[in-house]
């Protein structure tokens, strides 16, 4: 699955880094169809900022999350001649659908509207003029 928006991840270790962000060791995995085993495809430290920072204060060990909004950037340091990759999560929900890590109940969902089907009326066919066929096409 990889580190991506809409993907699931497991939070293993949380390091509170001040008032603006939280760092956590996160991993994702995917199921190998040939062996039926899960294999880790991403593992690293991720910054939780904004709404995610507020929710991250309530993480427990092995918290499963669904990433709602994230970003990946990289930066090259000329002096050190090294490239850094930064993983950031802006918002998430618990994998069980609840809004924050401290909630034991799933977040309420909006009532579903009844679906109505539109009846489409067929459109009349478009008449093509045969006179313009002698012109050259621009491509």
N, C-alpha and C. Protein backbone atom coordinates (compact mmCIF):
# COMPACT_ATOMS: atom_id res chain seq x y z
N UNK A 1 0.83 -1.18 0.00
CA UNK A 1 0.00 0.00 0.00
C UNK A 1 0.88 1.24 0.00
N UNK A 2 1.92 1.29 0.77
CA UNK A 2 2.81 2.43 0.79
C UNK A 2 2.27 3.60 1.60
N UNK A 3 3.08 4.61 1.75
CA UNK A 3 2.69 5.82 2.46
C UNK A 3 1.94 6.69 1.47
N UNK A 4 0.61 6.79 1.65
CA UNK A 4 -0.20 7.55 0.71
C UNK A 4 -1.51 7.97 1.36
N UNK A 5 -2.13 8.96 0.75
CA UNK A 5 -3.44 9.42 1.19
C UNK A 5 -4.46 8.30 0.99
N UNK A 6 -5.26 8.04 2.01
CA UNK A 6 -6.24 6.96 1.94
C UNK A 6 -5.68 5.62 2.38
N UNK A 7 -4.37 5.56 2.64
CA UNK A 7 -3.75 4.31 3.05
C UNK A 7 -3.84 4.10 4.55
N UNK A 8 -3.64 2.87 4.97
CA UNK A 8 -3.63 2.53 6.39
C UNK A 8 -2.19 2.40 6.87
N UNK A 9 -1.98 2.73 8.14
CA UNK A 9 -0.64 2.65 8.71
C UNK A 9 -0.75 2.27 10.19
N UNK A 10 0.35 1.76 10.72
CA UNK A 10 0.45 1.44 12.14
C UNK A 10 1.45 2.39 12.77
N UNK A 11 1.06 3.00 13.90
CA UNK A 11 1.95 3.90 14.64
C UNK A 11 2.58 3.09 15.76
N UNK A 12 3.92 3.05 15.77
CA UNK A 12 4.64 2.21 16.73
C UNK A 12 5.20 2.99 17.91
N UNK A 13 5.71 4.15 17.67
CA UNK A 13 6.39 4.92 18.71
C UNK A 13 6.10 6.40 18.49
N UNK A 14 5.79 7.14 19.54
CA UNK A 14 5.45 8.55 19.43
C UNK A 14 6.45 9.38 20.23
N UNK A 15 6.97 10.44 19.58
CA UNK A 15 7.88 11.37 20.24
C UNK A 15 7.30 12.75 20.09
N UNK A 16 6.79 13.32 21.19
CA UNK A 16 6.20 14.66 21.16
C UNK A 16 7.32 15.66 20.93
N UNK A 17 7.18 16.52 19.92
CA UNK A 17 8.24 17.47 19.55
C UNK A 17 7.76 18.90 19.70
N UNK A 18 7.32 19.28 20.88
CA UNK A 18 6.91 20.65 21.10
C UNK A 18 5.44 20.87 20.82
N UNK A 19 5.09 22.14 20.61
CA UNK A 19 3.69 22.52 20.44
C UNK A 19 3.19 22.46 19.01
N UNK A 20 4.10 22.32 18.05
CA UNK A 20 3.68 22.43 16.65
C UNK A 20 3.57 21.11 15.92
N UNK A 21 4.32 20.10 16.32
CA UNK A 21 4.23 18.83 15.61
C UNK A 21 4.63 17.67 16.51
N UNK A 22 4.26 16.48 16.07
CA UNK A 22 4.59 15.23 16.75
C UNK A 22 5.29 14.34 15.75
N UNK A 23 6.35 13.67 16.18
CA UNK A 23 7.05 12.70 15.34
C UNK A 23 6.64 11.31 15.80
N UNK A 24 6.45 10.42 14.87
CA UNK A 24 6.09 9.05 15.21
C UNK A 24 6.71 8.08 14.21
N UNK A 25 7.06 6.90 14.70
CA UNK A 25 7.55 5.85 13.81
C UNK A 25 6.32 5.12 13.28
N UNK A 26 6.18 5.09 11.97
CA UNK A 26 4.99 4.57 11.30
C UNK A 26 5.43 3.53 10.27
N UNK A 27 4.59 2.53 10.08
CA UNK A 27 4.87 1.56 9.02
C UNK A 27 3.59 1.22 8.27
N UNK A 28 3.75 0.81 7.03
CA UNK A 28 2.65 0.31 6.22
C UNK A 28 3.09 -1.03 5.65
N UNK A 29 2.11 -1.84 5.29
CA UNK A 29 2.45 -3.14 4.71
C UNK A 29 1.40 -3.53 3.68
N UNK A 30 1.77 -4.47 2.87
CA UNK A 30 0.84 -5.00 1.87
C UNK A 30 0.93 -6.52 1.89
N UNK A 31 -0.14 -7.15 1.46
CA UNK A 31 -0.21 -8.60 1.47
C UNK A 31 0.39 -9.14 0.17
N UNK A 32 1.34 -10.03 0.31
CA UNK A 32 1.95 -10.71 -0.83
C UNK A 32 0.98 -11.80 -1.27
N UNK A 33 0.45 -11.69 -2.48
CA UNK A 33 -0.57 -12.62 -2.96
C UNK A 33 -0.03 -14.04 -3.15
N UNK A 34 1.28 -14.16 -3.35
CA UNK A 34 1.85 -15.48 -3.56
C UNK A 34 2.05 -16.23 -2.25
N UNK A 35 2.42 -15.50 -1.18
CA UNK A 35 2.71 -16.16 0.09
C UNK A 35 1.62 -15.96 1.13
N UNK A 36 0.65 -15.06 0.87
CA UNK A 36 -0.41 -14.69 1.82
C UNK A 36 0.15 -14.10 3.11
N UNK A 37 1.35 -13.56 3.06
CA UNK A 37 1.98 -12.91 4.21
C UNK A 37 2.03 -11.40 3.98
N UNK A 38 1.96 -10.64 5.08
CA UNK A 38 2.08 -9.19 4.98
C UNK A 38 3.55 -8.81 5.00
N UNK A 39 3.94 -7.92 4.10
CA UNK A 39 5.33 -7.45 4.00
C UNK A 39 5.36 -5.94 4.16
N UNK A 40 6.27 -5.45 4.98
CA UNK A 40 6.40 -4.02 5.22
C UNK A 40 6.91 -3.35 3.96
N UNK A 41 6.20 -2.32 3.49
CA UNK A 41 6.65 -1.60 2.31
C UNK A 41 7.04 -0.16 2.62
N UNK A 42 6.76 0.32 3.83
CA UNK A 42 7.22 1.63 4.28
C UNK A 42 7.42 1.57 5.78
N UNK A 43 8.52 2.14 6.24
CA UNK A 43 8.77 2.26 7.66
C UNK A 43 9.66 3.48 7.85
N UNK A 44 9.22 4.40 8.70
CA UNK A 44 10.02 5.59 8.94
C UNK A 44 9.34 6.54 9.90
N UNK A 45 10.05 7.64 10.21
CA UNK A 45 9.48 8.65 11.09
C UNK A 45 8.68 9.65 10.28
N UNK A 46 7.50 9.98 10.79
CA UNK A 46 6.56 10.85 10.11
C UNK A 46 6.22 11.99 11.06
N UNK A 47 6.08 13.21 10.52
CA UNK A 47 5.65 14.36 11.31
C UNK A 47 4.13 14.48 11.23
N UNK A 48 3.49 14.66 12.37
CA UNK A 48 2.06 14.92 12.44
C UNK A 48 1.90 16.40 12.78
N UNK A 49 1.25 17.16 11.89
CA UNK A 49 1.08 18.61 12.10
C UNK A 49 -0.40 18.97 11.99
N UNK A 50 -0.73 20.16 12.48
CA UNK A 50 -2.11 20.65 12.39
C UNK A 50 -3.07 19.79 13.19
N UNK A 51 -4.18 19.40 12.56
CA UNK A 51 -5.19 18.57 13.22
C UNK A 51 -4.60 17.22 13.64
N UNK A 52 -3.70 16.68 12.84
CA UNK A 52 -3.09 15.39 13.17
C UNK A 52 -2.24 15.49 14.43
N UNK A 53 -1.57 16.61 14.65
CA UNK A 53 -0.75 16.83 15.85
C UNK A 53 -1.63 16.77 17.10
N UNK A 54 -2.80 17.40 17.04
CA UNK A 54 -3.71 17.40 18.19
C UNK A 54 -4.18 15.97 18.51
N UNK A 55 -4.53 15.21 17.49
CA UNK A 55 -5.03 13.84 17.70
C UNK A 55 -3.90 12.89 18.11
N UNK A 56 -2.69 13.14 17.67
CA UNK A 56 -1.57 12.24 17.91
C UNK A 56 -1.18 12.17 19.39
N UNK A 57 -1.58 13.14 20.18
CA UNK A 57 -1.26 13.11 21.60
C UNK A 57 -1.94 11.97 22.33
N UNK A 58 -2.92 11.35 21.73
CA UNK A 58 -3.68 10.28 22.36
C UNK A 58 -3.34 8.90 21.81
N UNK A 59 -2.27 8.77 21.04
CA UNK A 59 -1.90 7.48 20.47
C UNK A 59 -1.57 6.46 21.55
N UNK A 60 -1.97 5.23 21.32
CA UNK A 60 -1.57 4.09 22.14
C UNK A 60 -0.58 3.28 21.30
N UNK A 61 0.07 2.28 21.91
CA UNK A 61 0.97 1.41 21.16
C UNK A 61 0.19 0.68 20.07
N UNK A 62 0.79 0.60 18.91
CA UNK A 62 0.23 -0.11 17.75
C UNK A 62 -1.11 0.45 17.29
N UNK A 63 -1.26 1.75 17.32
CA UNK A 63 -2.49 2.38 16.84
C UNK A 63 -2.54 2.28 15.33
N UNK A 64 -3.68 1.82 14.80
CA UNK A 64 -3.88 1.74 13.35
C UNK A 64 -4.64 2.98 12.91
N UNK A 65 -4.13 3.65 11.86
CA UNK A 65 -4.75 4.87 11.36
C UNK A 65 -5.00 4.77 9.86
N UNK A 66 -5.91 5.62 9.39
CA UNK A 66 -6.13 5.81 7.96
C UNK A 66 -5.68 7.23 7.66
N UNK A 67 -4.75 7.39 6.75
CA UNK A 67 -4.20 8.70 6.41
C UNK A 67 -5.19 9.44 5.51
N UNK A 68 -5.65 10.60 5.98
CA UNK A 68 -6.61 11.39 5.20
C UNK A 68 -5.92 12.45 4.34
N UNK A 69 -4.84 13.04 4.86
CA UNK A 69 -4.15 14.09 4.12
C UNK A 69 -2.68 14.03 4.49
N UNK A 70 -1.81 13.92 3.49
CA UNK A 70 -0.38 13.79 3.77
C UNK A 70 0.44 14.42 2.64
N UNK A 71 1.75 14.47 2.86
CA UNK A 71 2.65 15.06 1.87
C UNK A 71 4.03 14.44 2.05
N UNK A 72 4.77 14.34 0.95
CA UNK A 72 6.15 13.87 0.98
C UNK A 72 6.99 14.90 0.25
N UNK A 73 8.05 15.37 0.91
CA UNK A 73 8.96 16.34 0.29
C UNK A 73 10.39 15.86 0.48
N UNK A 74 11.29 16.39 -0.33
CA UNK A 74 12.70 16.11 -0.09
C UNK A 74 13.50 17.40 -0.19
N UNK A 75 14.64 17.39 0.47
CA UNK A 75 15.48 18.57 0.57
C UNK A 75 16.93 18.13 0.45
N UNK A 76 17.71 18.86 -0.31
CA UNK A 76 19.13 18.54 -0.46
C UNK A 76 19.96 19.56 0.29
N UNK A 77 20.83 19.08 1.19
CA UNK A 77 21.72 19.94 1.95
C UNK A 77 23.08 19.93 1.25
N UNK A 78 23.46 21.08 0.66
CA UNK A 78 24.69 21.16 -0.12
C UNK A 78 25.93 20.96 0.74
N UNK A 79 25.92 21.51 1.96
CA UNK A 79 27.08 21.40 2.83
C UNK A 79 27.35 19.95 3.25
N UNK A 80 26.28 19.23 3.56
CA UNK A 80 26.43 17.84 3.97
C UNK A 80 26.41 16.88 2.79
N UNK A 81 26.03 17.39 1.61
CA UNK A 81 25.88 16.57 0.40
C UNK A 81 24.97 15.37 0.69
N UNK A 82 23.80 15.71 1.25
CA UNK A 82 22.86 14.67 1.64
C UNK A 82 21.43 15.12 1.34
N UNK A 83 20.63 14.17 0.89
CA UNK A 83 19.22 14.44 0.62
C UNK A 83 18.37 13.89 1.76
N UNK A 84 17.40 14.69 2.18
CA UNK A 84 16.48 14.30 3.23
C UNK A 84 15.07 14.19 2.66
N UNK A 85 14.35 13.15 3.06
CA UNK A 85 12.96 12.98 2.65
C UNK A 85 12.10 13.17 3.90
N UNK A 86 11.10 14.04 3.78
CA UNK A 86 10.22 14.37 4.91
C UNK A 86 8.81 13.87 4.63
N UNK A 87 8.27 13.10 5.57
CA UNK A 87 6.92 12.57 5.48
C UNK A 87 6.07 13.32 6.49
N UNK A 88 4.94 13.87 6.04
CA UNK A 88 4.08 14.67 6.91
C UNK A 88 2.64 14.20 6.77
N UNK A 89 1.97 14.05 7.92
CA UNK A 89 0.54 13.75 7.93
C UNK A 89 -0.17 14.96 8.50
N UNK A 90 -1.16 15.47 7.76
CA UNK A 90 -1.93 16.63 8.19
C UNK A 90 -3.24 16.24 8.88
N UNK A 91 -3.81 15.11 8.48
CA UNK A 91 -5.04 14.65 9.12
C UNK A 91 -5.16 13.14 8.94
N UNK A 92 -5.79 12.49 9.91
CA UNK A 92 -5.99 11.05 9.88
C UNK A 92 -7.22 10.72 10.70
N UNK A 93 -7.66 9.49 10.59
CA UNK A 93 -8.68 8.95 11.47
C UNK A 93 -8.23 7.57 11.87
N UNK A 94 -8.76 7.08 12.98
CA UNK A 94 -8.42 5.73 13.39
C UNK A 94 -8.96 4.75 12.36
N UNK A 95 -8.27 3.64 12.19
CA UNK A 95 -8.66 2.66 11.18
C UNK A 95 -10.05 2.11 11.42
N UNK A 96 -10.53 2.18 12.68
CA UNK A 96 -11.88 1.69 12.96
C UNK A 96 -12.95 2.72 12.62
N UNK A 97 -12.53 3.90 12.11
CA UNK A 97 -13.48 4.92 11.67
C UNK A 97 -13.75 6.02 12.67
N UNK A 98 -13.22 5.91 13.89
CA UNK A 98 -13.46 6.97 14.86
C UNK A 98 -12.55 8.15 14.58
N UNK A 99 -12.94 9.31 15.06
CA UNK A 99 -12.25 10.55 14.72
C UNK A 99 -10.90 10.74 15.37
N UNK A 100 -10.74 10.36 16.65
CA UNK A 100 -9.46 10.58 17.31
C UNK A 100 -9.03 9.33 18.05
N UNK A 101 -7.77 9.31 18.43
CA UNK A 101 -7.19 8.12 19.06
C UNK A 101 -7.80 7.84 20.42
N UNK A 102 -8.37 8.81 21.10
CA UNK A 102 -8.93 8.61 22.42
C UNK A 102 -10.38 8.16 22.39
N UNK A 103 -11.05 8.27 21.27
CA UNK A 103 -12.46 7.89 21.19
C UNK A 103 -12.60 6.38 21.18
N UNK A 104 -13.56 5.88 21.94
CA UNK A 104 -13.82 4.44 21.90
C UNK A 104 -14.99 4.13 20.98
N UNK A 105 -15.76 5.15 20.63
CA UNK A 105 -16.91 4.96 19.75
C UNK A 105 -16.56 5.50 18.36
N UNK A 106 -17.12 4.90 17.31
CA UNK A 106 -16.89 5.45 15.98
C UNK A 106 -17.53 6.83 15.85
N UNK A 107 -16.95 7.65 15.03
CA UNK A 107 -17.48 8.99 14.79
C UNK A 107 -18.84 8.89 14.11
N UNK A 108 -19.77 9.78 14.46
CA UNK A 108 -21.08 9.72 13.81
C UNK A 108 -20.95 10.05 12.34
N UNK A 109 -21.80 9.42 11.55
CA UNK A 109 -21.77 9.68 10.12
C UNK A 109 -23.01 10.46 9.73
N UNK A 110 -22.93 11.17 8.66
CA UNK A 110 -24.06 11.96 8.18
C UNK A 110 -25.12 11.02 7.63
N UNK A 111 -26.40 11.36 7.82
CA UNK A 111 -27.45 10.50 7.28
C UNK A 111 -27.36 10.44 5.76
N UNK A 112 -27.63 9.28 5.24
CA UNK A 112 -27.56 9.07 3.80
C UNK A 112 -28.83 9.59 3.14
N UNK A 113 -28.67 10.29 2.05
CA UNK A 113 -29.81 10.76 1.29
C UNK A 113 -30.28 9.64 0.37
N UNK A 114 -31.57 9.59 0.16
CA UNK A 114 -32.11 8.59 -0.76
C UNK A 114 -31.64 8.92 -2.17
N UNK A 115 -31.19 7.89 -2.84
CA UNK A 115 -30.70 8.09 -4.20
C UNK A 115 -31.88 8.12 -5.16
N UNK A 116 -31.87 9.10 -6.01
CA UNK A 116 -32.89 9.18 -7.05
C UNK A 116 -32.20 9.08 -8.39
N UNK A 117 -32.82 8.36 -9.27
CA UNK A 117 -32.24 8.20 -10.59
C UNK A 117 -32.84 9.24 -11.53
N UNK A 118 -31.97 9.83 -12.29
CA UNK A 118 -32.43 10.79 -13.29
C UNK A 118 -32.83 10.03 -14.54
N UNK A 119 -33.94 10.44 -15.10
CA UNK A 119 -34.33 9.86 -16.37
C UNK A 119 -33.75 10.73 -17.46
N UNK A 120 -32.93 10.11 -18.26
CA UNK A 120 -32.29 10.90 -19.32
C UNK A 120 -33.10 10.75 -20.60
N UNK A 121 -33.19 11.86 -21.28
CA UNK A 121 -33.88 11.83 -22.57
C UNK A 121 -32.81 11.78 -23.64
N UNK A 122 -32.99 10.93 -24.63
CA UNK A 122 -31.96 10.84 -25.67
C UNK A 122 -31.85 12.15 -26.44
N UNK A 123 -30.63 12.51 -26.74
CA UNK A 123 -30.38 13.73 -27.49
C UNK A 123 -30.43 13.41 -28.98
N UNK A 124 -30.93 14.36 -29.76
CA UNK A 124 -31.00 14.10 -31.21
C UNK A 124 -29.59 14.00 -31.79
N UNK A 125 -29.41 13.18 -32.82
CA UNK A 125 -28.09 13.05 -33.42
C UNK A 125 -27.65 14.36 -34.07
N UNK A 126 -26.34 14.56 -34.08
CA UNK A 126 -25.77 15.78 -34.67
C UNK A 126 -25.56 15.55 -36.15
N UNK A 127 -26.02 16.49 -36.97
CA UNK A 127 -25.82 16.40 -38.41
C UNK A 127 -24.43 16.90 -38.75
N UNK A 128 -23.72 16.12 -39.55
CA UNK A 128 -22.38 16.50 -39.98
C UNK A 128 -22.47 16.91 -41.44
N UNK A 129 -21.90 18.08 -41.74
CA UNK A 129 -21.90 18.57 -43.11
C UNK A 129 -20.83 17.86 -43.90
N UNK A 130 -21.18 17.26 -45.02
CA UNK A 130 -20.21 16.57 -45.86
C UNK A 130 -19.40 17.54 -46.70
N UNK A 131 -19.79 18.78 -46.78
CA UNK A 131 -19.10 19.75 -47.62
C UNK A 131 -17.72 20.10 -47.09
N UNK A 132 -17.51 20.03 -45.77
CA UNK A 132 -16.25 20.46 -45.16
C UNK A 132 -15.17 19.36 -45.22
N UNK A 133 -15.45 18.20 -45.78
CA UNK A 133 -14.49 17.12 -45.81
C UNK A 133 -13.28 17.42 -46.68
N UNK A 134 -13.37 18.36 -47.59
CA UNK A 134 -12.26 18.66 -48.49
C UNK A 134 -11.17 19.47 -47.79
N UNK A 135 -11.48 20.11 -46.67
CA UNK A 135 -10.49 20.90 -45.94
C UNK A 135 -9.46 19.98 -45.30
N UNK A 136 -8.21 20.49 -45.21
CA UNK A 136 -7.17 19.71 -44.54
C UNK A 136 -7.30 19.86 -43.04
N UNK A 137 -6.98 18.78 -42.36
CA UNK A 137 -7.02 18.82 -40.90
C UNK A 137 -5.73 19.49 -40.40
N UNK A 138 -5.80 20.22 -39.27
CA UNK A 138 -4.62 20.91 -38.78
C UNK A 138 -3.56 20.01 -38.16
N UNK A 139 -3.82 18.71 -38.03
CA UNK A 139 -2.83 17.84 -37.40
C UNK A 139 -2.44 16.68 -38.24
